[in-house]
Amino acid sequence: ICQRNPVAKKTSNAFIIYRTVFAKVLMNLDYQNKMTDVSKWAAESWKSEKAELITAYKNFANEIQSTHRKRSQDAMINRNRRLIAATTPRENPAPISVPV
């Protein structure tokens, strides 16, 4: 059985986030083009953006990465706790009283 591991998923970098926003703006303006064209336009636009905007996108990407890393660690801890609980034998279970 092949299971996908959501913990290992990588987050988007600053440019990918920028490209996503760029594509959504084009869609809202009713531009319908191939994603390869949109990616080229986004790359050209990214190169000409002000340093402050690029820094803002990089900071946003870093925040997303930090949040993802924290959630991934929490998910791994919870997963390990469940595995330990499931494989640890119980000691002296309480007797069950059966009415006669």
C-alpha atoms as a PDB file:
ATOM      1  CA  ILE A   1       0.000   0.000   0.000  1.00  0.00           C
ATOM      2  CA  CYS A   2       1.441   3.325  -1.038  1.00  0.00           C
ATOM      3  CA  GLN A   3       0.470   6.184   1.229  1.00  0.00           C
ATOM      4  CA  ARG A   4       1.290   9.798   0.542  1.00  0.00           C
ATOM      5  CA  ASN A   5       3.191  11.492   3.323  1.00  0.00           C
ATOM      6  CA  PRO A   6       1.714  14.995   3.854  1.00  0.00           C
ATOM      7  CA  VAL A   7       4.458  15.790   6.368  1.00  0.00           C
ATOM      8  CA  ALA A   8       7.133  15.640   3.653  1.00  0.00           C
ATOM      9  CA  LYS A   9       5.334  18.110   1.382  1.00  0.00           C
ATOM     10  CA  LYS A  10       7.394  21.174   0.540  1.00  0.00           C
ATOM     11  CA  THR A  11       6.029  24.690   0.768  1.00  0.00           C
ATOM     12  CA  SER A  12       5.989  27.165  -2.096  1.00  0.00           C
ATOM     13  CA  ASN A  13       8.834  29.612  -2.497  1.00  0.00           C
ATOM     14  CA  ALA A  14       8.384  33.377  -2.911  1.00  0.00           C
ATOM     15  CA  PHE A  15       8.259  33.293  -6.703  1.00  0.00           C
ATOM     16  CA  ILE A  16       5.700  30.470  -6.829  1.00  0.00           C
ATOM     17  CA  ILE A  17       3.438  32.443  -4.487  1.00  0.00           C
ATOM     18  CA  TYR A  18       3.933  35.540  -6.670  1.00  0.00           C
ATOM     19  CA  ARG A  19       3.142  33.548  -9.819  1.00  0.00           C
ATOM     20  CA  THR A  20      -0.039  32.185  -8.224  1.00  0.00           C
ATOM     21  CA  VAL A  21      -1.218  35.697  -7.363  1.00  0.00           C
ATOM     22  CA  PHE A  22      -0.187  36.903 -10.838  1.00  0.00           C
ATOM     23  CA  ALA A  23      -2.222  34.121 -12.490  1.00  0.00           C
ATOM     24  CA  LYS A  24      -5.287  34.825 -10.319  1.00  0.00           C
ATOM     25  CA  VAL A  25      -5.166  38.520 -11.196  1.00  0.00           C
ATOM     26  CA  LEU A  26      -5.066  37.621 -14.896  1.00  0.00           C
ATOM     27  CA  MET A  27      -7.991  35.224 -14.446  1.00  0.00           C
ATOM     28  CA  ASN A  28      -9.998  37.930 -12.648  1.00  0.00           C
ATOM     29  CA  LEU A  29      -9.303  40.236 -15.599  1.00  0.00           C
ATOM     30  CA  ASP A  30     -10.638  37.455 -17.857  1.00  0.00           C
ATOM     31  CA  TYR A  31      -7.288  36.725 -19.521  1.00  0.00           C
ATOM     32  CA  GLN A  32      -7.256  33.112 -20.598  1.00  0.00           C
ATOM     33  CA  ASN A  33      -3.806  31.986 -21.610  1.00  0.00           C
ATOM     34  CA  LYS A  34      -1.599  28.935 -21.291  1.00  0.00           C
ATOM     35  CA  MET A  35       0.141  28.541 -17.943  1.00  0.00           C
ATOM     36  CA  THR A  36       3.487  28.441 -19.745  1.00  0.00           C
ATOM     37  CA  ASP A  37       2.796  31.949 -21.059  1.00  0.00           C
ATOM     38  CA  VAL A  38       1.572  33.137 -17.668  1.00  0.00           C
ATOM     39  CA  SER A  39       4.723  31.747 -16.033  1.00  0.00           C
ATOM     40  CA  LYS A  40       6.933  33.598 -18.522  1.00  0.00           C
ATOM     41  CA  TRP A  41       5.067  36.844 -17.909  1.00  0.00           C
ATOM     42  CA  ALA A  42       5.239  36.341 -14.157  1.00  0.00           C
ATOM     43  CA  ALA A  43       9.003  35.737 -14.375  1.00  0.00           C
ATOM     44  CA  GLU A  44       9.498  38.923 -16.381  1.00  0.00           C
ATOM     45  CA  SER A  45       7.327  40.872 -13.955  1.00  0.00           C
ATOM     46  CA  TRP A  46       9.136  39.371 -10.929  1.00  0.00           C
ATOM     47  CA  LYS A  47      12.495  40.529 -12.281  1.00  0.00           C
ATOM     48  CA  SER A  48      11.224  44.095 -12.615  1.00  0.00           C
ATOM     49  CA  GLU A  49       9.479  44.290  -9.214  1.00  0.00           C
ATOM     50  CA  LYS A  50      10.766  46.558  -6.458  1.00  0.00           C
ATOM     51  CA  ALA A  51      13.057  44.984  -3.880  1.00  0.00           C
ATOM     52  CA  GLU A  52      10.537  45.755  -1.113  1.00  0.00           C
ATOM     53  CA  LEU A  53       7.839  43.680  -2.789  1.00  0.00           C
ATOM     54  CA  ILE A  54      10.196  40.760  -3.424  1.00  0.00           C
ATOM     55  CA  THR A  55      11.325  40.920   0.213  1.00  0.00           C
ATOM     56  CA  ALA A  56       7.689  40.902   1.344  1.00  0.00           C
ATOM     57  CA  TYR A  57       7.001  37.755  -0.708  1.00  0.00           C
ATOM     58  CA  LYS A  58      10.158  36.106   0.670  1.00  0.00           C
ATOM     59  CA  ASN A  59       9.115  36.937   4.236  1.00  0.00           C
ATOM     60  CA  PHE A  60       5.642  35.544   3.564  1.00  0.00           C
ATOM     61  CA  ALA A  61       7.131  32.334   2.128  1.00  0.00           C
ATOM     62  CA  ASN A  62       9.359  32.006   5.210  1.00  0.00           C
ATOM     63  CA  GLU A  63       6.337  32.413   7.509  1.00  0.00           C
ATOM     64  CA  ILE A  64       4.503  29.692   5.607  1.00  0.00           C
ATOM     65  CA  GLN A  65       7.540  27.423   5.839  1.00  0.00           C
ATOM     66  CA  SER A  66       7.850  28.005   9.613  1.00  0.00           C
ATOM     67  CA  THR A  67       4.168  27.281  10.161  1.00  0.00           C
ATOM     68  CA  HIS A  68       4.380  24.163   7.997  1.00  0.00           C
ATOM     69  CA  ARG A  69       7.484  22.931   9.828  1.00  0.00           C
ATOM     70  CA  LYS A  70       5.783  23.411  13.221  1.00  0.00           C
ATOM     71  CA  ARG A  71       2.601  21.648  12.084  1.00  0.00           C
ATOM     72  CA  SER A  72       4.638  18.826  10.563  1.00  0.00           C
ATOM     73  CA  GLN A  73       6.517  18.323  13.816  1.00  0.00           C
ATOM     74  CA  ASP A  74       3.256  18.352  15.793  1.00  0.00           C
ATOM     75  CA  ALA A  75       1.700  15.849  13.384  1.00  0.00           C
ATOM     76  CA  MET A  76       4.721  13.561  13.678  1.00  0.00           C
ATOM     77  CA  ILE A  77       4.615  13.724  17.489  1.00  0.00           C
ATOM     78  CA  ASN A  78       0.883  12.912  17.520  1.00  0.00           C
ATOM     79  CA  ARG A  79       1.412  10.063  15.044  1.00  0.00           C
ATOM     80  CA  ASN A  80       4.185   8.600  17.200  1.00  0.00           C
ATOM     81  CA  ARG A  81       2.037   8.871  20.335  1.00  0.00           C
ATOM     82  CA  ARG A  82      -0.781   6.966  18.617  1.00  0.00           C
ATOM     83  CA  LEU A  83       1.635   4.268  17.433  1.00  0.00           C
ATOM     84  CA  ILE A  84       3.133   3.878  20.904  1.00  0.00           C
ATOM     85  CA  ALA A  85      -0.313   3.720  22.514  1.00  0.00           C
ATOM     86  CA  ALA A  86      -1.496   1.135  19.991  1.00  0.00           C
ATOM     87  CA  THR A  87       1.512  -1.138  20.467  1.00  0.00           C
ATOM     88  CA  THR A  88       1.937  -0.825  24.238  1.00  0.00           C
ATOM     89  CA  PRO A  89       0.219  -3.683  26.087  1.00  0.00           C
ATOM     90  CA  ARG A  90      -2.100  -2.695  28.895  1.00  0.00           C
ATOM     91  CA  GLU A  91      -1.219  -3.863  32.364  1.00  0.00           C
ATOM     92  CA  ASN A  92      -3.849  -5.651  34.434  1.00  0.00           C
ATOM     93  CA  PRO A  93      -7.052  -4.574  32.757  1.00  0.00           C
ATOM     94  CA  ALA A  94      -9.936  -3.907  35.123  1.00  0.00           C
ATOM     95  CA  PRO A  95     -12.208  -6.921  35.616  1.00  0.00           C
ATOM     96  CA  ILE A  96     -15.544  -6.764  33.871  1.00  0.00           C
ATOM     97  CA  SER A  97     -18.547  -7.501  36.031  1.00  0.00           C
ATOM     98  CA  VAL A  98     -21.261  -9.479  34.314  1.00  0.00           C
ATOM     99  CA  PRO A  99     -24.762  -9.384  35.817  1.00  0.00           C
ATOM    100  CA  VAL A 100     -26.074 -12.818  36.757  1.00  0.00           C
END
